Amino acid sequence: MVQCNLSFNLLKGTLRGMHYQTGPREETKLIRCTRGAIYDVVLDLRPQSPTFLLWEAASLTAENCRMMYVPGGIAHGFQTLADDTEVFYQMSEFYAENCARGVRWDDPAFAIEWPVKPPILSERDRSHPLWP
């Protein structure tokens, strides 16, 4: 089963993340920017992975039509690079509040480099915990 979602972001600099779901509702995602532009970030939280706690980023725009594949165990987030940006998600699982997790976008353990400062954050994203 595939769950689809749209994220509408009015302002450049809006940051959403870093989100993931744990088992038994761990999710795989496919992300595409359908309007505007985003800086899309993935963070490996799989302890047995050779890339554990490392991150990668890519620019996704409506023009370049690139997508980001996010396997289970990977946290995902993005920052808008333009006003009026729309992001389309396909997810392997429905949202499950009891499995939903997040880590701080600015956690020094990851040192993710975000392009727009200061970011615009929701209270939820601002309150994610630091990595243990």
Protein backbone atom coordinates (compact mmCIF):
# COMPACT_ATOMS: atom_id res chain seq x y z
CA MET A 1 0.00 0.00 0.00
CA VAL A 2 1.28 3.48 -0.83
CA GLN A 3 0.33 6.61 1.07
CA CYS A 4 0.69 9.98 -0.71
CA ASN A 5 1.00 13.40 0.85
CA LEU A 6 1.62 17.00 -0.24
CA SER A 7 3.52 19.56 1.82
CA PHE A 8 2.77 23.22 1.02
CA ASN A 9 5.38 25.74 2.18
CA LEU A 10 4.75 29.44 1.73
CA LEU A 11 8.14 30.84 2.64
CA LYS A 12 11.73 30.28 1.57
CA GLY A 13 13.74 28.88 4.51
CA THR A 14 10.97 26.66 5.90
CA LEU A 15 12.62 23.60 7.41
CA ARG A 16 10.77 20.34 8.00
CA GLY A 17 12.55 17.45 9.71
CA MET A 18 14.25 15.32 10.65
CA HIS A 19 11.42 12.73 10.63
CA TYR A 20 11.20 8.93 10.54
CA GLN A 21 8.99 6.08 11.77
CA THR A 22 10.13 3.09 13.81
CA GLY A 23 8.99 -0.52 13.48
CA PRO A 24 6.54 -2.04 13.04
CA ARG A 25 5.52 0.96 10.87
CA GLU A 26 8.98 1.86 9.54
CA GLU A 27 8.48 3.64 6.23
CA THR A 28 10.19 4.00 2.91
CA LYS A 29 9.64 7.32 1.13
CA LEU A 30 9.97 8.75 -2.35
CA ILE A 31 10.13 12.57 -2.42
CA ARG A 32 9.74 14.96 -5.34
CA CYS A 33 9.49 18.76 -5.43
CA THR A 34 6.56 19.62 -7.72
CA ARG A 35 6.77 23.41 -7.34
CA GLY A 36 9.66 25.59 -6.22
CA ALA A 37 12.87 24.09 -4.83
CA ILE A 38 14.12 22.24 -1.75
CA TYR A 39 17.38 21.20 -0.17
CA ASP A 40 16.53 17.57 0.66
CA VAL A 41 18.43 15.76 3.43
CA VAL A 42 18.65 12.11 4.46
CA LEU A 43 20.31 10.94 7.68
CA ASP A 44 21.23 7.31 8.32
CA LEU A 45 20.02 6.13 11.75
CA ARG A 46 20.61 2.40 11.15
CA PRO A 47 23.22 1.25 13.74
CA GLN A 48 24.55 -1.63 11.60
CA SER A 49 24.98 0.55 8.51
CA PRO A 50 28.46 1.66 7.35
CA THR A 51 26.98 5.16 6.90
CA PHE A 52 25.43 5.31 10.42
CA LEU A 53 24.95 8.96 11.54
CA LEU A 54 26.10 10.34 8.16
CA TRP A 55 23.93 12.58 6.00
CA GLU A 56 23.56 13.40 2.31
CA ALA A 57 21.66 16.17 0.58
CA ALA A 58 20.44 17.02 -2.90
CA SER A 59 18.66 19.93 -4.53
CA LEU A 60 15.23 18.91 -5.78
CA THR A 61 13.33 21.36 -7.98
CA ALA A 62 10.23 21.33 -10.14
CA GLU A 63 12.54 21.91 -13.12
CA ASN A 64 15.11 19.16 -12.52
CA CYS A 65 12.44 16.49 -11.73
CA ARG A 66 14.88 14.65 -9.44
CA MET A 67 13.53 12.44 -6.65
CA MET A 68 14.96 11.25 -3.35
CA TYR A 69 14.52 7.63 -2.27
CA VAL A 70 14.51 7.25 1.53
CA PRO A 71 14.68 3.67 2.85
CA GLY A 72 13.44 2.63 6.28
CA GLY A 73 15.72 3.62 9.15
CA ILE A 74 16.68 6.88 7.46
CA ALA A 75 15.49 10.24 8.83
CA HIS A 76 14.33 12.79 6.25
CA GLY A 77 14.03 16.54 6.19
CA PHE A 78 14.10 19.45 3.78
CA GLN A 79 14.45 23.21 3.62
CA THR A 80 12.67 25.28 1.02
CA LEU A 81 14.85 27.32 -1.34
CA ALA A 82 11.96 29.31 -2.81
CA ASP A 83 8.63 30.76 -1.72
CA ASP A 84 5.48 28.75 -2.57
CA THR A 85 7.19 25.36 -2.64
CA GLU A 86 5.24 22.11 -2.89
CA VAL A 87 6.68 18.70 -2.00
CA PHE A 88 5.05 15.39 -2.99
CA TYR A 89 5.67 12.27 -0.86
CA GLN A 90 4.93 8.63 -1.53
CA MET A 91 5.28 6.49 1.61
CA SER A 92 5.09 2.75 2.19
CA GLU A 93 3.21 3.19 5.48
CA PHE A 94 0.46 5.39 6.83
CA TYR A 95 1.37 7.84 9.57
CA ALA A 96 1.43 6.09 12.95
CA GLU A 97 1.71 8.52 15.86
CA ASN A 98 3.09 5.83 18.20
CA CYS A 99 5.93 5.10 15.72
CA ALA A 100 6.63 8.69 14.61
CA ARG A 101 10.02 10.03 15.68
CA GLY A 102 12.32 12.91 14.94
CA VAL A 103 15.78 14.21 15.73
CA ARG A 104 16.87 17.83 15.89
CA TRP A 105 17.69 19.52 12.61
CA ASP A 106 20.67 21.25 14.27
CA ASP A 107 22.02 18.38 16.36
CA PRO A 108 25.82 18.77 16.60
CA ALA A 109 26.16 14.96 16.37
CA PHE A 110 25.17 15.24 12.69
CA ALA A 111 26.36 18.76 11.76
CA ILE A 112 23.93 19.04 8.86
CA GLU A 113 24.67 22.12 6.76
CA TRP A 114 21.40 23.94 5.99
CA PRO A 115 21.55 26.62 3.29
CA VAL A 116 19.05 29.24 4.57
CA LYS A 117 19.62 30.87 7.96
CA PRO A 118 17.75 31.34 10.16
CA PRO A 119 15.30 28.55 9.32
CA ILE A 120 11.54 28.79 9.76
CA LEU A 121 10.47 25.91 12.02
CA SER A 122 7.25 24.48 13.38
CA GLU A 123 7.03 23.92 17.14
CA ARG A 124 7.11 20.16 16.49
CA ASP A 125 10.37 20.34 14.53
CA ARG A 126 11.91 22.79 16.99
CA SER A 127 11.21 20.38 19.89
CA HIS A 128 12.71 17.15 18.52
CA PRO A 129 15.32 15.71 20.91
CA LEU A 130 19.06 15.55 20.41
CA TRP A 131 20.46 12.17 19.37
CA PRO A 132 21.15 9.93 22.38
